[in-house]
Amino acid sequence: MNVMDSAPAKSSLMSPESDIQRTQYPYVTGTSVVGIKYKDGILLAADMGGSYGSTIRYKSVERLKPVGKHSLLGASGEISDFQEIMKYLDELILYDNMWDDGNSLGPKEVHNYLTRVMYNRRNKFNPLWNSLVLGGVKNGQKYLGTVSMIGVHYEDNHVATGFGNHLARPILRDEWHENLSYEEGVKLLEKCMRVLLYRDRSAVNKLQIAKITEEGVTISQPYSLKTFWNFSAFQNPTVGAEGSW
């Protein structure tokens, strides 16, 4: 009787369903990416933390990557899924280069491709657990867009993922303008990243800023921001909150 009881279990282990792997829960994740247009191109900023649950397990995760000649990609969410997306993009760029026709994929085409990939995987109930920011410059035209893990996408003059949608974009709405210089753009992004560092438990004080112009992509070396933790609200956060949870 014991043999018969164990047979169905053995059968289920050998069934095709047991081979299916899905990202049901993200494991190692990166937090916000913030992107803006500036006078000469696009700027993206992201920190280098990789969180294993609520533990900041890795502190040197690069989440800003060039894509072909004209595009720059930043990702929040599951790091292994971001690596899978980069593999797709490497294959796409290689296939495009094989035509050797003097043309190359621009940021709009890459962004459209990513929206189809994310929506396709969502429809298979096997999503890539990322929110992406794609920026680039081609033929003098600046492009900046974002796409979520279920394929929701749009383009704008400034975009953000994760907590950045709630904490960074209000700053950008107030202070962004289309004639920002490179130095002003970096300063604005650093302000956003500093606010995120104060308020987002998954953020770390080690970030990179990347720019893309007609000349190509430049990604900064990792660096830290100057911070100030002696605000009265930080030192005694429960003042005025008597009786609350």
Protein backbone atom coordinates (compact mmCIF):
# COMPACT_ATOMS: atom_id res chain seq x y z
CA MET A 1 0.00 0.00 0.00
CA ASN A 2 2.90 2.31 0.72
CA VAL A 3 4.27 1.70 -2.79
CA MET A 4 0.94 2.61 -4.35
CA ASP A 5 0.70 5.75 -2.22
CA SER A 6 4.12 6.89 -3.35
CA ALA A 7 3.49 6.25 -7.06
CA PRO A 8 1.39 9.37 -7.69
CA ALA A 9 4.05 11.51 -6.03
CA LYS A 10 6.73 10.04 -8.27
CA SER A 11 4.52 10.56 -11.30
CA SER A 12 3.93 14.21 -10.42
CA LEU A 13 7.67 14.83 -10.03
CA MET A 14 8.30 13.43 -13.49
CA SER A 15 5.49 15.42 -15.11
CA PRO A 16 6.25 18.39 -17.39
CA GLU A 17 4.73 20.78 -14.85
CA SER A 18 7.62 20.10 -12.48
CA ASP A 19 10.06 21.60 -15.02
CA ILE A 20 8.27 24.96 -15.20
CA GLN A 21 10.14 27.75 -13.44
CA ARG A 22 8.52 31.14 -12.86
CA THR A 23 9.51 34.24 -10.95
CA GLN A 24 6.63 33.98 -8.51
CA TYR A 25 8.50 36.14 -6.01
CA PRO A 26 11.49 38.40 -6.59
CA TYR A 27 14.57 37.39 -4.61
CA VAL A 28 17.45 39.82 -5.17
CA THR A 29 16.07 43.22 -6.16
CA GLY A 30 17.25 46.71 -6.96
CA THR A 31 15.29 49.82 -6.05
CA SER A 32 14.52 53.07 -7.91
CA VAL A 33 15.89 54.33 -11.22
CA VAL A 34 15.43 58.01 -12.10
CA GLY A 35 15.83 59.42 -15.62
CA ILE A 36 15.65 62.91 -17.10
CA LYS A 37 16.19 64.66 -20.40
CA TYR A 38 18.74 67.47 -20.37
CA LYS A 39 20.02 69.91 -22.95
CA ASP A 40 22.38 67.50 -24.74
CA GLY A 41 20.85 64.09 -24.06
CA ILE A 42 19.61 61.78 -21.31
CA LEU A 43 20.74 61.23 -17.72
CA LEU A 44 19.91 58.16 -15.61
CA ALA A 45 20.70 57.53 -11.94
CA ALA A 46 20.50 54.37 -9.84
CA ASP A 47 22.09 53.14 -6.66
CA MET A 48 24.02 49.86 -6.47
CA GLY A 49 22.14 47.99 -3.76
CA GLY A 50 20.81 44.48 -4.20
CA SER A 51 18.31 43.48 -1.51
CA TYR A 52 17.67 39.88 -0.51
CA GLY A 53 14.22 40.38 0.96
CA SER A 54 14.68 43.23 3.43
CA THR A 55 18.43 42.61 3.78
CA ILE A 56 20.74 44.72 1.63
CA ARG A 57 22.88 41.76 0.59
CA TYR A 58 24.88 43.25 -2.29
CA LYS A 59 26.27 46.76 -2.62
CA SER A 60 27.96 46.73 -6.02
CA VAL A 61 25.15 45.79 -8.42
CA GLU A 62 25.34 47.76 -11.67
CA ARG A 63 21.83 48.49 -12.95
CA LEU A 64 22.67 50.92 -15.78
CA LYS A 65 23.73 49.33 -19.07
CA PRO A 66 24.31 50.57 -22.64
CA VAL A 67 22.21 48.98 -25.39
CA GLY A 68 23.67 49.24 -28.89
CA LYS A 69 24.91 52.61 -30.14
CA HIS A 70 22.01 54.86 -29.20
CA SER A 71 20.35 53.57 -26.02
CA LEU A 72 20.84 53.30 -22.27
CA LEU A 73 18.85 51.02 -19.96
CA GLY A 74 18.22 51.16 -16.22
CA ALA A 75 16.30 48.54 -14.26
CA SER A 76 14.73 48.11 -10.86
CA GLY A 77 13.35 44.81 -9.62
CA GLU A 78 14.70 41.27 -9.85
CA ILE A 79 18.39 41.26 -10.82
CA SER A 80 18.35 37.83 -12.49
CA ASP A 81 15.42 38.90 -14.69
CA PHE A 82 17.38 42.04 -15.64
CA GLN A 83 20.25 39.79 -16.70
CA GLU A 84 17.79 37.80 -18.84
CA ILE A 85 16.54 41.01 -20.46
CA MET A 86 20.13 42.05 -21.23
CA LYS A 87 20.64 38.67 -22.90
CA TYR A 88 17.58 39.31 -25.10
CA LEU A 89 18.89 42.76 -25.99
CA ASP A 90 22.39 41.50 -26.79
CA GLU A 91 20.84 39.02 -29.23
CA LEU A 92 18.64 41.76 -30.73
CA ILE A 93 21.59 44.12 -31.26
CA LEU A 94 23.74 41.31 -32.70
CA TYR A 95 20.99 40.35 -35.15
CA ASP A 96 20.57 44.00 -36.15
CA ASN A 97 24.33 44.40 -36.71
CA MET A 98 24.42 41.27 -38.89
CA TRP A 99 22.38 43.09 -41.54
CA ASP A 100 25.29 45.53 -41.98
CA ASP A 101 22.98 47.96 -43.76
CA GLY A 102 24.32 51.16 -42.23
CA ASN A 103 21.32 51.50 -39.93
CA SER A 104 21.02 50.65 -36.25
CA LEU A 105 18.20 50.36 -33.74
CA GLY A 106 17.32 53.60 -31.97
CA PRO A 107 15.91 54.06 -28.47
CA LYS A 108 12.29 54.18 -29.67
CA GLU A 109 12.65 50.79 -31.37
CA VAL A 110 14.36 49.25 -28.33
CA HIS A 111 11.67 50.64 -26.02
CA ASN A 112 8.91 49.23 -28.24
CA TYR A 113 10.68 45.86 -28.22
CA LEU A 114 10.85 45.86 -24.42
CA THR A 115 7.14 46.67 -24.11
CA ARG A 116 6.32 43.65 -26.27
CA VAL A 117 8.66 41.37 -24.29
CA MET A 118 7.25 42.45 -20.92
CA TYR A 119 3.62 42.20 -22.04
CA ASN A 120 4.22 38.84 -23.70
CA ARG A 121 5.75 37.38 -20.55
CA ARG A 122 2.93 38.82 -18.45
CA ASN A 123 0.38 37.08 -20.67
CA LYS A 124 2.18 33.78 -20.08
CA PHE A 125 1.88 34.33 -16.31
CA ASN A 126 5.68 34.22 -16.24
CA PRO A 127 6.62 37.90 -15.89
CA LEU A 128 10.03 39.44 -15.88
CA TRP A 129 9.91 41.12 -12.48
CA ASN A 130 11.35 44.51 -13.49
CA SER A 131 10.46 48.10 -14.16
CA LEU A 132 12.69 49.55 -16.87
CA VAL A 133 13.82 53.01 -17.93
CA LEU A 134 15.08 53.35 -21.51
CA GLY A 135 16.71 56.54 -22.76
CA GLY A 136 18.69 57.45 -25.82
CA VAL A 137 19.59 59.88 -28.57
CA LYS A 138 19.51 59.27 -32.31
CA ASN A 139 19.69 61.81 -35.14
CA GLY A 140 19.44 64.63 -32.62
CA GLN A 141 16.18 63.32 -31.14
CA LYS A 142 16.12 62.60 -27.40
CA TYR A 143 13.94 59.76 -26.16
CA LEU A 144 13.04 58.69 -22.62
CA GLY A 145 10.48 56.06 -21.70
CA THR A 146 9.60 53.46 -19.10
CA VAL A 147 7.87 50.07 -19.06
CA SER A 148 6.55 48.09 -16.10
CA MET A 149 6.59 44.34 -15.47
CA ILE A 150 3.12 43.98 -17.04
CA GLY A 151 3.90 46.05 -20.12
CA VAL A 152 2.47 49.44 -19.07
CA HIS A 153 4.63 52.00 -20.86
CA TYR A 154 4.91 55.70 -21.62
CA GLU A 155 7.49 58.32 -22.54
CA ASP A 156 8.06 61.63 -20.78
CA ASN A 157 10.66 64.31 -20.05
CA HIS A 158 11.42 62.63 -16.72
CA VAL A 159 10.55 59.17 -15.44
CA ALA A 160 11.20 57.05 -12.37
CA THR A 161 10.56 53.55 -11.06
CA GLY A 162 9.74 52.20 -7.60
CA PHE A 163 9.74 54.69 -4.75
CA GLY A 164 11.09 57.24 -7.22
CA ASN A 165 7.59 57.52 -8.68
CA HIS A 166 6.35 58.84 -5.35
CA LEU A 167 9.35 60.71 -3.95
CA ALA A 168 11.48 61.84 -6.91
CA ARG A 169 8.95 62.84 -9.54
CA PRO A 170 7.35 65.61 -7.43
CA ILE A 171 10.84 67.17 -7.22
CA LEU A 172 11.31 66.76 -10.96
CA ARG A 173 7.93 68.34 -11.73
CA ASP A 174 8.98 71.41 -9.73
CA GLU A 175 12.58 71.80 -10.86
CA TRP A 176 13.06 70.17 -14.27
CA HIS A 177 13.25 72.30 -17.41
CA GLU A 178 14.32 71.43 -20.94
CA ASN A 179 17.45 73.60 -20.96
CA LEU A 180 19.17 71.89 -18.04
CA SER A 181 22.93 71.75 -18.42
CA TYR A 182 24.79 68.53 -17.61
CA GLU A 183 25.92 69.91 -14.23
CA GLU A 184 22.39 71.05 -13.35
CA GLY A 185 20.95 67.68 -14.39
CA VAL A 186 23.43 65.79 -12.22
CA LYS A 187 22.68 68.07 -9.28
CA LEU A 188 18.93 67.49 -9.71
CA LEU A 189 19.36 63.71 -9.90
CA GLU A 190 21.57 63.76 -6.81
CA LYS A 191 18.86 65.65 -4.93
CA CYS A 192 16.33 62.96 -5.91
CA MET A 193 18.68 60.14 -4.93
CA ARG A 194 19.40 61.79 -1.57
CA VAL A 195 15.68 61.96 -0.77
CA LEU A 196 15.32 58.31 -1.77
CA LEU A 197 18.28 57.39 0.43
CA TYR A 198 16.60 59.04 3.42
CA ARG A 199 13.19 57.45 2.84
CA ASP A 200 13.72 54.10 1.08
CA ARG A 201 15.04 51.28 3.26
CA SER A 202 16.40 49.44 0.19
CA ALA A 203 18.53 52.36 -1.02
CA VAL A 204 22.27 52.50 -0.39
CA ASN A 205 24.64 55.46 -0.49
CA LYS A 206 26.55 54.22 -3.51
CA LEU A 207 25.26 55.26 -6.91
CA GLN A 208 26.09 55.70 -10.56
CA ILE A 209 24.92 58.36 -12.99
CA ALA A 210 24.97 57.61 -16.70
CA LYS A 211 24.60 59.97 -19.64
CA ILE A 212 23.97 59.32 -23.30
CA THR A 213 24.44 61.88 -26.06
CA GLU A 214 25.14 61.73 -29.79
CA GLU A 215 28.76 60.93 -28.85
CA GLY A 216 27.83 57.80 -26.92
CA VAL A 217 27.33 56.45 -23.39
CA THR A 218 29.29 57.41 -20.28
CA ILE A 219 28.63 55.69 -16.95
CA SER A 220 30.24 57.24 -13.88
CA GLN A 221 32.32 55.40 -11.35
CA PRO A 222 30.38 54.58 -8.16
CA TYR A 223 30.34 57.36 -5.58
CA SER A 224 28.52 58.41 -2.40
CA LEU A 225 26.43 61.47 -1.61
CA LYS A 226 27.01 63.84 1.26
CA THR A 227 24.16 63.32 3.75
CA PHE A 228 22.83 64.96 6.91
CA TRP A 229 21.05 62.83 9.51
CA ASN A 230 20.55 65.32 12.34
CA PHE A 231 17.13 66.55 11.29
CA SER A 232 14.88 66.75 14.34
CA ALA A 233 12.32 64.48 12.68
CA PHE A 234 15.01 61.82 12.24
CA GLN A 235 16.23 62.09 15.83
CA ASN A 236 12.78 61.84 17.44
CA PRO A 237 10.34 60.49 14.84
CA THR A 238 7.51 59.74 17.29
CA VAL A 239 6.96 63.34 18.43
CA GLY A 240 3.38 64.31 17.73
CA ALA A 241 2.36 60.73 17.04
CA GLU A 242 0.96 59.83 20.45
CA GLY A 243 -1.79 57.26 20.31
CA SER A 244 -0.95 56.11 16.79
CA TRP A 245 0.55 52.82 15.77
